[in-house]
Amino acid sequence: MDQNRRIIDKDLKIVYDRVILRFDQYGQYLGHLGREGLGGSPFPYVFSLDVREDGAIVVTCRTSSSWISYWYDSAGRPITTVMIRKDQLPGLEEGSVAVYGIRPDPVEWSLHIRLDVYSDKTDGSHPDPRLYTLNLNTLEYGNPIILPYVEGYEKQGIPDVPPEYLGTTVGGSHMLIALENPDSYRMILVDSDGRLIQNRRL
């Protein structure tokens, strides 16, 4: 947004300067979505925009100290806001963590959190990639899915890497992707228990 419309929270060290622009199927501008809903004030840095199966909208933002998910119904009316501070992340009891993505489930009342756990017992070169689910009814984390590494192309110096989380399907399967070699990616689909469903090259 323009400099004069930005909001700076010096205490929380957050800059609110993003909005979601809305258009109909013909490209006609319908106004913007902000924190309070249609026409609302700006968001902090927007990490992702998701539309759930029922048309509900979830805007997930990232700040220096937390992740914030703003939930709206299909008409853009606010439902709830979920904030996850760094000290509330799962896996901290085992070491440090790095979060790579937080996305809502398209059906269930939950958030999926893709992170790496760097155990205090290792040198940090091979983190433990996990996918956690936060139940928004109970505010409890379920047991994580331990994600598989994708074998890199050793001849060209591409190491084995943990996959990136793309999102969750309506059926509850999780979509993952990782660079396999300079010409292709490996796409993986696992079920809610972490069992492999599909493993394809893209």
Foldseek 3Di string as FASTA:
>chain_A
DDPVQWDADPVQRFIFDAWAWDADPVRHTDAIADLQWGPDRGHTAWPDWDQAPQQKIWTWHDDPFWIKIWTGHNRGHTDDMDIAGLVNDPQVVFPHKDWDDWDAARPAQKIKTWMWHQGPVDPRPDTFTWIWIQHPVVRDIDDIQGFDWAQADVVVPDHTGTWDWDHADNQAKTWTWDDRYPVWIWIWIAHPNNHTDDIDID
